[in-house]
Structures are given as C-alpha cells and as structure tokens.
Amino acid sequence: MLLAFLVVTAVTIIRLRDLFAVIMLFGLYSLLSAALFVALDAPDVAFTEAVVGAGISTVLMLATLALTSRHEKRPTHRAWLPLAVVLVTGGFLVYGTFDIAPFGAPDNPVHTHVAPRYLEQSAEEIGIPNVVTSVLASYRGYDTLGETAVVFTAGMGVLVLLGGAAGRLFRRRKED
C-alpha cells in the first residue's frame, strides 16, 4: 500500500507545474518513505528521512521558492534524452536487484559479517547498551564525523546561496 502511495505521489509531482504543491508533495513523499522504512524495521533510517526529507529539505525548498516564481515555465521542447537516461538508469538498477539476497534470510551477508559481533560484544567493548548508538558513536565514529561535516558544509553552502540571492532580491526591490 505504501509503495502504491509513493508511486502515485511521484507521478503527481512529475505532472504538476505549481512549485508550492510540488514542495508539499515532496514532504509527503518523504513521510511516506519514512513510514516504509518503519515497516521494514529501520526506525533509525525512518527518523533520518523524516527529519531531513520532510523537515529540513521542505524548509529549504520553501525558502528557495520565496526567491523565485511559484509556477514552472513550460518547456519549449520535448525532453526525450532525459527520459531515455532515466529509463536506462532505472533498467540497470532493476537489473542490479536480481542478485540481492532474499529479504530476511538468516544467511544473508549482513547477518554473517560484523553484525553478530556488534550485537554480542558492543555492550562490553564500548559500554553503551544501545547497539545502534555504539556503532555510530564508536565503531563508525570517523565515518559519522565525516557525514556530519558533509551535511554541515552543504547547509552552509545553501545558506550562503540563499543569503546572496535574498540580498540581490532585497536590493532590486529597494531600487524599484
């Protein structure tokens, strides 16, 4: 059911020209994705999707929309090349899923590599009872620090771009 809602939302987003409605539907799409992640027993991913996808991204897109027009301009030509690229890429992605191990099988590589060690020994090694926290804060600490630095840098870049665009818009309105 969630996948059907995701597909309907995506098709609606593609067909709309009102950018405010598109932004609201992107937020809805992120919340539906978060619900799908919860259904797949990935609440930490669902929480991240809800915060970043539905929260921060929606706010940033609304801030950008305040600096542009509300309606998308009609294209002057048909975009067959982008459609072909999307279809070929989608075909490769679907083809790549044929080698994925069955969902939930106990002999999947994810269950036979480091996960058992983390589950059994992280409380003793790290001293943190929550396995997810111990993995993110200790085993993958540098990786998490790098991800945080990337997100911070992207956020600062967006703020600089929005600040520059807002300043130009303010100066233009002041001159008029």
N, C-alpha and C. Protein backbone atom coordinates (compact mmCIF):
# COMPACT_ATOMS: atom_id res chain seq x y z
N MET A 1 0.83 -1.19 0.00
CA MET A 1 0.00 0.00 0.00
C MET A 1 0.88 1.26 0.00
N LEU A 2 1.95 1.25 0.84
CA LEU A 2 2.83 2.41 0.89
C LEU A 2 3.54 2.63 -0.45
N LEU A 3 3.95 1.54 -1.09
CA LEU A 3 4.60 1.67 -2.39
C LEU A 3 3.65 2.27 -3.42
N ALA A 4 2.40 1.88 -3.37
CA ALA A 4 1.41 2.44 -4.30
C ALA A 4 1.25 3.95 -4.06
N PHE A 5 1.19 4.36 -2.79
CA PHE A 5 1.11 5.79 -2.48
C PHE A 5 2.35 6.53 -2.95
N LEU A 6 3.52 5.91 -2.79
CA LEU A 6 4.76 6.53 -3.25
C LEU A 6 4.75 6.75 -4.76
N VAL A 7 4.28 5.74 -5.50
CA VAL A 7 4.22 5.85 -6.96
C VAL A 7 3.23 6.93 -7.38
N VAL A 8 2.07 6.95 -6.76
CA VAL A 8 1.06 7.96 -7.10
C VAL A 8 1.59 9.36 -6.79
N THR A 9 2.25 9.51 -5.65
CA THR A 9 2.81 10.81 -5.28
C THR A 9 3.89 11.24 -6.27
N ALA A 10 4.77 10.31 -6.65
CA ALA A 10 5.84 10.64 -7.60
C ALA A 10 5.28 11.05 -8.96
N VAL A 11 4.28 10.34 -9.44
CA VAL A 11 3.68 10.68 -10.74
C VAL A 11 2.99 12.04 -10.66
N THR A 12 2.33 12.31 -9.55
CA THR A 12 1.67 13.61 -9.38
C THR A 12 2.70 14.73 -9.35
N ILE A 13 3.83 14.51 -8.66
CA ILE A 13 4.89 15.52 -8.61
C ILE A 13 5.40 15.83 -10.01
N ILE A 14 5.59 14.81 -10.81
CA ILE A 14 6.11 14.99 -12.17
C ILE A 14 5.15 15.82 -13.01
N ARG A 15 3.86 15.63 -12.83
CA ARG A 15 2.87 16.26 -13.70
C ARG A 15 2.52 17.70 -13.29
N LEU A 16 2.80 18.08 -12.05
CA LEU A 16 2.41 19.41 -11.58
C LEU A 16 3.37 20.49 -12.07
N ARG A 17 2.84 21.70 -12.23
CA ARG A 17 3.64 22.87 -12.59
C ARG A 17 3.67 23.90 -11.46
N ASP A 18 2.80 23.73 -10.46
CA ASP A 18 2.76 24.62 -9.31
C ASP A 18 3.84 24.15 -8.32
N LEU A 19 4.90 24.94 -8.17
CA LEU A 19 6.05 24.53 -7.39
C LEU A 19 5.75 24.42 -5.90
N PHE A 20 4.82 25.22 -5.39
CA PHE A 20 4.44 25.10 -3.98
C PHE A 20 3.81 23.74 -3.72
N ALA A 21 2.92 23.32 -4.61
CA ALA A 21 2.30 22.00 -4.47
C ALA A 21 3.33 20.89 -4.59
N VAL A 22 4.30 21.08 -5.47
CA VAL A 22 5.36 20.08 -5.63
C VAL A 22 6.17 19.95 -4.35
N ILE A 23 6.49 21.07 -3.72
CA ILE A 23 7.27 21.03 -2.47
C ILE A 23 6.48 20.32 -1.38
N MET A 24 5.19 20.60 -1.28
CA MET A 24 4.36 19.93 -0.27
C MET A 24 4.29 18.42 -0.54
N LEU A 25 4.18 18.06 -1.81
CA LEU A 25 4.13 16.63 -2.14
C LEU A 25 5.48 15.96 -1.91
N PHE A 26 6.59 16.69 -2.08
CA PHE A 26 7.90 16.13 -1.74
C PHE A 26 7.96 15.82 -0.24
N GLY A 27 7.43 16.71 0.59
CA GLY A 27 7.37 16.45 2.02
C GLY A 27 6.53 15.22 2.33
N LEU A 28 5.39 15.09 1.66
CA LEU A 28 4.55 13.91 1.82
C LEU A 28 5.27 12.66 1.37
N TYR A 29 6.00 12.75 0.26
CA TYR A 29 6.76 11.61 -0.25
C TYR A 29 7.80 11.18 0.79
N SER A 30 8.45 12.13 1.42
CA SER A 30 9.45 11.79 2.44
C SER A 30 8.79 11.13 3.65
N LEU A 31 7.63 11.61 4.05
CA LEU A 31 6.93 10.97 5.17
C LEU A 31 6.48 9.56 4.81
N LEU A 32 6.01 9.36 3.58
CA LEU A 32 5.65 8.01 3.15
C LEU A 32 6.87 7.10 3.11
N SER A 33 8.02 7.65 2.67
CA SER A 33 9.25 6.86 2.68
C SER A 33 9.65 6.49 4.10
N ALA A 34 9.50 7.43 5.03
CA ALA A 34 9.80 7.15 6.43
C ALA A 34 8.89 6.05 6.96
N ALA A 35 7.62 6.09 6.60
CA ALA A 35 6.69 5.04 7.03
C ALA A 35 7.10 3.69 6.44
N LEU A 36 7.56 3.69 5.20
CA LEU A 36 8.03 2.46 4.57
C LEU A 36 9.26 1.91 5.31
N PHE A 37 10.17 2.80 5.71
CA PHE A 37 11.34 2.35 6.46
C PHE A 37 10.95 1.77 7.82
N VAL A 38 9.94 2.34 8.45
CA VAL A 38 9.45 1.78 9.71
C VAL A 38 8.88 0.39 9.47
N ALA A 39 8.13 0.24 8.38
CA ALA A 39 7.56 -1.08 8.06
C ALA A 39 8.66 -2.10 7.76
N LEU A 40 9.81 -1.64 7.29
CA LEU A 40 10.94 -2.53 7.01
C LEU A 40 11.87 -2.68 8.22
N ASP A 41 11.41 -2.26 9.40
CA ASP A 41 12.16 -2.36 10.65
C ASP A 41 13.48 -1.59 10.62
N ALA A 42 13.43 -0.38 10.07
CA ALA A 42 14.59 0.50 10.08
C ALA A 42 14.19 1.86 10.66
N PRO A 43 13.87 1.90 11.97
CA PRO A 43 13.37 3.16 12.54
C PRO A 43 14.40 4.28 12.54
N ASP A 44 15.70 3.94 12.65
CA ASP A 44 16.71 5.00 12.64
C ASP A 44 16.78 5.66 11.27
N VAL A 45 16.66 4.88 10.20
CA VAL A 45 16.64 5.43 8.85
C VAL A 45 15.36 6.23 8.64
N ALA A 46 14.25 5.72 9.17
CA ALA A 46 12.96 6.41 9.05
C ALA A 46 13.01 7.77 9.74
N PHE A 47 13.63 7.82 10.92
CA PHE A 47 13.74 9.08 11.63
C PHE A 47 14.58 10.08 10.84
N THR A 48 15.69 9.62 10.28
CA THR A 48 16.53 10.49 9.48
C THR A 48 15.79 10.99 8.25
N GLU A 49 15.06 10.12 7.58
CA GLU A 49 14.29 10.51 6.40
C GLU A 49 13.23 11.54 6.76
N ALA A 50 12.57 11.33 7.88
CA ALA A 50 11.53 12.29 8.29
C ALA A 50 12.12 13.65 8.61
N VAL A 51 13.24 13.67 9.31
CA VAL A 51 13.85 14.94 9.71
C VAL A 51 14.44 15.66 8.50
N VAL A 52 15.27 14.94 7.73
CA VAL A 52 15.96 15.59 6.62
C VAL A 52 15.03 15.76 5.43
N GLY A 53 14.32 14.70 5.04
CA GLY A 53 13.49 14.75 3.85
C GLY A 53 12.25 15.62 4.00
N ALA A 54 11.49 15.37 5.07
CA ALA A 54 10.25 16.12 5.24
C ALA A 54 10.47 17.44 5.97
N GLY A 55 11.48 17.51 6.80
CA GLY A 55 11.69 18.72 7.57
C GLY A 55 12.60 19.73 6.91
N ILE A 56 13.90 19.46 6.98
CA ILE A 56 14.89 20.43 6.50
C ILE A 56 14.75 20.70 5.01
N SER A 57 14.61 19.65 4.21
CA SER A 57 14.51 19.85 2.75
C SER A 57 13.30 20.68 2.38
N THR A 58 12.19 20.43 3.05
CA THR A 58 10.97 21.19 2.75
C THR A 58 11.16 22.67 3.10
N VAL A 59 11.77 22.94 4.23
CA VAL A 59 12.01 24.33 4.62
C VAL A 59 12.95 25.02 3.63
N LEU A 60 14.03 24.34 3.24
CA LEU A 60 14.97 24.94 2.28
C LEU A 60 14.32 25.17 0.92
N MET A 61 13.49 24.21 0.47
CA MET A 61 12.81 24.41 -0.83
C MET A 61 11.81 25.55 -0.75
N LEU A 62 11.11 25.70 0.39
CA LEU A 62 10.18 26.83 0.54
C LEU A 62 10.94 28.15 0.56
N ALA A 63 12.12 28.17 1.20
CA ALA A 63 12.93 29.39 1.20
C ALA A 63 13.39 29.73 -0.22
N THR A 64 13.74 28.71 -0.98
CA THR A 64 14.14 28.94 -2.37
C THR A 64 12.96 29.43 -3.20
N LEU A 65 11.78 28.85 -2.96
CA LEU A 65 10.59 29.26 -3.70
C LEU A 65 10.25 30.72 -3.43
N ALA A 66 10.56 31.21 -2.23
CA ALA A 66 10.29 32.61 -1.92
C ALA A 66 11.13 33.55 -2.78
N LEU A 67 12.23 33.04 -3.34
CA LEU A 67 13.11 33.85 -4.17
C LEU A 67 12.85 33.66 -5.66
N THR A 68 11.93 32.78 -6.02
CA THR A 68 11.64 32.51 -7.44
C THR A 68 10.14 32.65 -7.68
N SER A 69 9.73 32.28 -8.88
CA SER A 69 8.29 32.32 -9.17
C SER A 69 7.64 31.02 -8.72
N ARG A 70 6.34 31.06 -8.52
CA ARG A 70 5.62 29.91 -7.99
C ARG A 70 5.37 28.84 -9.05
N HIS A 71 5.32 29.22 -10.32
CA HIS A 71 4.97 28.27 -11.37
C HIS A 71 6.17 27.97 -12.26
N GLU A 72 6.29 26.71 -12.62
CA GLU A 72 7.36 26.28 -13.51
C GLU A 72 7.03 26.72 -14.94
N LYS A 73 8.04 27.16 -15.66
CA LYS A 73 7.82 27.55 -17.05
C LYS A 73 7.64 26.30 -17.91
N ARG A 74 6.79 26.40 -18.90
CA ARG A 74 6.60 25.27 -19.81
C ARG A 74 7.84 25.09 -20.67
N PRO A 75 8.29 23.83 -20.81
CA PRO A 75 9.47 23.61 -21.67
C PRO A 75 9.14 23.91 -23.13
N THR A 76 10.13 24.39 -23.85
CA THR A 76 9.92 24.72 -25.27
C THR A 76 10.10 23.51 -26.17
N HIS A 77 10.64 22.43 -25.65
CA HIS A 77 10.88 21.23 -26.44
C HIS A 77 10.57 20.00 -25.60
N ARG A 78 10.49 18.85 -26.27
CA ARG A 78 10.28 17.59 -25.56
C ARG A 78 11.62 17.10 -25.04
N ALA A 79 11.64 16.61 -23.82
CA ALA A 79 12.89 16.18 -23.21
C ALA A 79 13.02 14.66 -23.34
N TRP A 80 13.31 14.18 -24.54
CA TRP A 80 13.44 12.74 -24.76
C TRP A 80 14.76 12.20 -24.21
N LEU A 81 15.83 12.96 -24.30
CA LEU A 81 17.11 12.48 -23.79
C LEU A 81 17.08 12.24 -22.28
N PRO A 82 16.58 13.18 -21.47
CA PRO A 82 16.50 12.89 -20.03
C PRO A 82 15.61 11.69 -19.72
N LEU A 83 14.52 11.54 -20.47
CA LEU A 83 13.65 10.38 -20.26
C LEU A 83 14.40 9.09 -20.57
N ALA A 84 15.16 9.08 -21.66
CA ALA A 84 15.94 7.89 -22.02
C ALA A 84 16.99 7.58 -20.96
N VAL A 85 17.66 8.61 -20.44
CA VAL A 85 18.67 8.39 -19.41
C VAL A 85 18.03 7.80 -18.16
N VAL A 86 16.89 8.32 -17.76
CA VAL A 86 16.20 7.82 -16.58
C VAL A 86 15.76 6.37 -16.79
N LEU A 87 15.22 6.06 -17.95
CA LEU A 87 14.77 4.69 -18.22
C LEU A 87 15.94 3.70 -18.25
N VAL A 88 17.05 4.09 -18.87
CA VAL A 88 18.21 3.20 -18.92
C VAL A 88 18.79 3.01 -17.51
N THR A 89 18.91 4.10 -16.76
CA THR A 89 19.42 4.00 -15.39
C THR A 89 18.50 3.14 -14.53
N GLY A 90 17.20 3.36 -14.65
CA GLY A 90 16.23 2.55 -13.92
C GLY A 90 16.33 1.08 -14.29
N GLY A 91 16.53 0.80 -15.59
CA GLY A 91 16.69 -0.58 -16.04
C GLY A 91 17.92 -1.23 -15.40
N PHE A 92 19.03 -0.49 -15.35
CA PHE A 92 20.24 -1.03 -14.71
C PHE A 92 20.03 -1.27 -13.22
N LEU A 93 19.31 -0.36 -12.56
CA LEU A 93 19.05 -0.54 -11.14
C LEU A 93 18.17 -1.75 -10.87
N VAL A 94 17.15 -1.93 -11.70
CA VAL A 94 16.29 -3.11 -11.54
C VAL A 94 17.08 -4.38 -11.82
N TYR A 95 17.92 -4.35 -12.85
CA TYR A 95 18.77 -5.50 -13.17
C TYR A 95 19.71 -5.81 -12.00
N GLY A 96 20.22 -4.79 -11.35
CA GLY A 96 21.11 -4.98 -10.21
C GLY A 96 20.43 -5.63 -9.02
N THR A 97 19.11 -5.51 -8.91
CA THR A 97 18.40 -6.11 -7.78
C THR A 97 18.23 -7.62 -7.92
N PHE A 98 18.49 -8.16 -9.09
CA PHE A 98 18.32 -9.60 -9.26
C PHE A 98 19.32 -10.40 -8.44
N ASP A 99 20.48 -9.81 -8.09
CA ASP A 99 21.49 -10.52 -7.31
C ASP A 99 21.40 -10.27 -5.81
N ILE A 100 20.42 -9.52 -5.39
CA ILE A 100 20.27 -9.24 -3.97
C ILE A 100 19.77 -10.49 -3.26
N ALA A 101 20.33 -10.74 -2.08
CA ALA A 101 19.89 -11.88 -1.28
C ALA A 101 18.45 -11.68 -0.84
N PRO A 102 17.72 -12.77 -0.59
CA PRO A 102 16.33 -12.65 -0.17
C PRO A 102 16.20 -11.86 1.14
N PHE A 103 15.18 -11.05 1.22
CA PHE A 103 14.98 -10.21 2.39
C PHE A 103 14.71 -11.07 3.62
N GLY A 104 15.48 -10.84 4.68
CA GLY A 104 15.26 -11.51 5.95
C GLY A 104 15.88 -12.89 6.08
N ALA A 105 16.56 -13.37 5.05
CA ALA A 105 17.18 -14.69 5.14
C ALA A 105 18.31 -14.66 6.16
N PRO A 106 18.40 -15.67 7.04
CA PRO A 106 19.42 -15.64 8.09
C PRO A 106 20.85 -15.79 7.57
N ASP A 107 21.02 -16.30 6.35
CA ASP A 107 22.38 -16.46 5.81
C ASP A 107 22.80 -15.30 4.91
N ASN A 108 22.07 -14.19 4.95
CA ASN A 108 22.46 -13.01 4.18
C ASN A 108 23.81 -12.50 4.67
N PRO A 109 24.59 -11.90 3.78
CA PRO A 109 25.91 -11.40 4.21
C PRO A 109 25.85 -10.41 5.37
N VAL A 110 24.80 -9.62 5.45
CA VAL A 110 24.71 -8.65 6.54
C VAL A 110 24.62 -9.35 7.90
N HIS A 111 24.09 -10.57 7.93
CA HIS A 111 23.94 -11.29 9.19
C HIS A 111 25.16 -12.15 9.53
N THR A 112 26.05 -12.33 8.58
CA THR A 112 27.19 -13.23 8.82
C THR A 112 28.52 -12.50 8.88
N HIS A 113 28.53 -11.20 8.75
CA HIS A 113 29.80 -10.46 8.74
C HIS A 113 30.07 -9.89 10.14
N VAL A 114 29.92 -8.61 10.33
CA VAL A 114 30.25 -7.98 11.61
C VAL A 114 29.04 -7.78 12.51
N ALA A 115 27.85 -7.90 11.97
CA ALA A 115 26.66 -7.65 12.78
C ALA A 115 26.59 -8.53 14.02
N PRO A 116 26.84 -9.85 13.93
CA PRO A 116 26.79 -10.66 15.16
C PRO A 116 27.80 -10.19 16.22
N ARG A 117 28.98 -9.79 15.78
CA ARG A 117 29.99 -9.30 16.72
C ARG A 117 29.50 -8.03 17.41
N TYR A 118 28.93 -7.11 16.63
CA TYR A 118 28.41 -5.88 17.22
C TYR A 118 27.31 -6.19 18.24
N LEU A 119 26.41 -7.07 17.86
CA LEU A 119 25.29 -7.38 18.75
C LEU A 119 25.75 -8.07 20.03
N GLU A 120 26.75 -8.95 19.92
CA GLU A 120 27.17 -9.72 21.09
C GLU A 120 28.18 -8.98 21.96
N GLN A 121 29.07 -8.17 21.38
CA GLN A 121 30.19 -7.65 22.14
C GLN A 121 30.22 -6.13 22.31
N SER A 122 29.32 -5.41 21.67
CA SER A 122 29.41 -3.95 21.75
C SER A 122 29.16 -3.43 23.16
N ALA A 123 28.27 -4.05 23.91
CA ALA A 123 28.00 -3.57 25.28
C ALA A 123 29.24 -3.70 26.14
N GLU A 124 30.01 -4.79 25.97
CA GLU A 124 31.23 -4.99 26.76
C GLU A 124 32.36 -4.09 26.26
N GLU A 125 32.52 -3.99 24.94
CA GLU A 125 33.64 -3.23 24.38
C GLU A 125 33.47 -1.72 24.53
N ILE A 126 32.27 -1.25 24.32
CA ILE A 126 32.03 0.19 24.29
C ILE A 126 31.41 0.68 25.59
N GLY A 127 30.58 -0.14 26.21
CA GLY A 127 29.92 0.28 27.44
C GLY A 127 28.61 1.00 27.21
N ILE A 128 28.10 0.95 25.97
CA ILE A 128 26.83 1.59 25.64
C ILE A 128 25.82 0.47 25.36
N PRO A 129 24.69 0.43 26.07
CA PRO A 129 23.75 -0.68 25.88
C PRO A 129 23.04 -0.67 24.52
N ASN A 130 22.86 0.50 23.91
CA ASN A 130 22.18 0.58 22.61
C ASN A 130 23.19 0.29 21.51
N VAL A 131 22.92 -0.76 20.72
CA VAL A 131 23.85 -1.21 19.69
C VAL A 131 24.00 -0.16 18.59
N VAL A 132 22.90 0.47 18.18
CA VAL A 132 22.98 1.47 17.11
C VAL A 132 23.85 2.64 17.54
N THR A 133 23.67 3.09 18.76
CA THR A 133 24.49 4.19 19.27
C THR A 133 25.95 3.79 19.36
N SER A 134 26.22 2.59 19.80
CA SER A 134 27.62 2.16 19.91
C SER A 134 28.27 2.05 18.54
N VAL A 135 27.54 1.60 17.54
CA VAL A 135 28.11 1.50 16.19
C VAL A 135 28.37 2.89 15.63
N LEU A 136 27.39 3.79 15.74
CA LEU A 136 27.56 5.13 15.17
C LEU A 136 28.57 5.97 15.93
N ALA A 137 28.62 5.85 17.25
CA ALA A 137 29.48 6.70 18.04
C ALA A 137 30.89 6.17 18.20
N SER A 138 31.07 4.86 18.05
CA SER A 138 32.40 4.31 18.29
C SER A 138 32.97 3.59 17.08
N TYR A 139 32.34 2.52 16.67
CA TYR A 139 32.90 1.74 15.56
C TYR A 139 32.99 2.56 14.28
N ARG A 140 31.97 3.36 14.03
CA ARG A 140 31.95 4.19 12.82
C ARG A 140 32.03 5.67 13.18
N GLY A 141 32.75 6.00 14.22
CA GLY A 141 32.83 7.38 14.69
C GLY A 141 33.38 8.34 13.66
N TYR A 142 34.49 7.96 13.00
CA TYR A 142 35.07 8.84 11.99
C TYR A 142 34.14 8.98 10.78
N ASP A 143 33.48 7.90 10.43
CA ASP A 143 32.53 7.96 9.32
C ASP A 143 31.38 8.91 9.65
N THR A 144 30.86 8.80 10.87
CA THR A 144 29.77 9.68 11.29
C THR A 144 30.25 11.13 11.34
N LEU A 145 31.48 11.36 11.81
CA LEU A 145 32.03 12.71 11.82
C LEU A 145 32.13 13.26 10.40
N GLY A 146 32.58 12.42 9.46
CA GLY A 146 32.67 12.86 8.06
C GLY A 146 31.31 13.19 7.48
N GLU A 147 30.31 12.35 7.78
CA GLU A 147 28.96 12.62 7.29
C GLU A 147 28.42 13.93 7.87
N THR A 148 28.69 14.15 9.14
CA THR A 148 28.25 15.38 9.78
C THR A 148 28.91 16.60 9.14
N ALA A 149 30.21 16.46 8.83
CA ALA A 149 30.92 17.57 8.18
C ALA A 149 30.35 17.85 6.80
N VAL A 150 29.99 16.81 6.06
CA VAL A 150 29.41 16.99 4.72
C VAL A 150 28.06 17.68 4.82
N VAL A 151 27.21 17.24 5.74
CA VAL A 151 25.89 17.85 5.90
C VAL A 151 26.04 19.31 6.35
N PHE A 152 26.95 19.59 7.27
CA PHE A 152 27.17 20.96 7.73
C PHE A 152 27.66 21.84 6.58
N THR A 153 28.61 21.34 5.79
CA THR A 153 29.13 22.10 4.65
C THR A 153 28.03 22.37 3.63
N ALA A 154 27.21 21.37 3.35
CA ALA A 154 26.10 21.57 2.41
C ALA A 154 25.12 22.61 2.94
N GLY A 155 24.82 22.54 4.23
CA GLY A 155 23.91 23.52 4.82
C GLY A 155 24.46 24.92 4.75
N MET A 156 25.74 25.08 5.03
CA MET A 156 26.37 26.40 4.94
C MET A 156 26.36 26.91 3.50
N GLY A 157 26.60 26.01 2.55
CA GLY A 157 26.55 26.41 1.13
C GLY A 157 25.17 26.88 0.73
N VAL A 158 24.15 26.18 1.19
CA VAL A 158 22.78 26.58 0.87
C VAL A 158 22.47 27.94 1.50
N LEU A 159 22.89 28.13 2.75
CA LEU A 159 22.64 29.42 3.41
C LEU A 159 23.36 30.56 2.70
N VAL A 160 24.58 30.32 2.25
CA VAL A 160 25.32 31.36 1.52
C VAL A 160 24.61 31.68 0.21
N LEU A 161 24.18 30.64 -0.51
CA LEU A 161 23.47 30.87 -1.77
C LEU A 161 22.15 31.60 -1.54
N LEU A 162 21.39 31.16 -0.56
CA LEU A 162 20.11 31.82 -0.27
C LEU A 162 20.34 33.24 0.22
N GLY A 163 21.37 33.44 1.03
CA GLY A 163 21.67 34.78 1.53
C GLY A 163 22.05 35.72 0.41
N GLY A 164 22.86 35.23 -0.54
CA GLY A 164 23.23 36.06 -1.69
C GLY A 164 22.05 36.37 -2.56
N ALA A 165 21.20 35.37 -2.80
CA ALA A 165 20.02 35.60 -3.63
C ALA A 165 19.03 36.51 -2.92
N ALA A 166 18.88 36.34 -1.62
CA ALA A 166 17.96 37.20 -0.87
C ALA A 166 18.46 38.64 -0.87
N GLY A 167 19.79 38.82 -0.74
CA GLY A 167 20.36 40.17 -0.77
C GLY A 167 20.13 40.85 -2.11
N ARG A 168 20.33 40.10 -3.20
CA ARG A 168 20.09 40.67 -4.54
C ARG A 168 18.63 41.02 -4.72
N LEU A 169 17.73 40.15 -4.25
CA LEU A 169 16.29 40.42 -4.35
C LEU A 169 15.92 41.65 -3.54
N PHE A 170 16.48 41.78 -2.33
CA PHE A 170 16.19 42.93 -1.49
C PHE A 170 16.69 44.22 -2.15
N ARG A 171 17.91 44.18 -2.71
CA ARG A 171 18.45 45.37 -3.37
C ARG A 171 17.62 45.75 -4.59
N ARG A 172 17.16 44.75 -5.35
CA ARG A 172 16.33 45.02 -6.52
C ARG A 172 15.01 45.67 -6.11
N ARG A 173 14.39 45.15 -5.06
CA ARG A 173 13.11 45.73 -4.60
C ARG A 173 13.32 47.14 -4.06
N LYS A 174 14.45 47.38 -3.41
CA LYS A 174 14.74 48.69 -2.85
C LYS A 174 14.95 49.72 -3.96
N GLU A 175 15.57 49.29 -5.07
CA GLU A 175 15.80 50.19 -6.19
C GLU A 175 14.50 50.54 -6.91
N ASP A 176 13.54 49.63 -6.90
CA ASP A 176 12.26 49.86 -7.61
C ASP A 176 11.38 50.76 -6.82
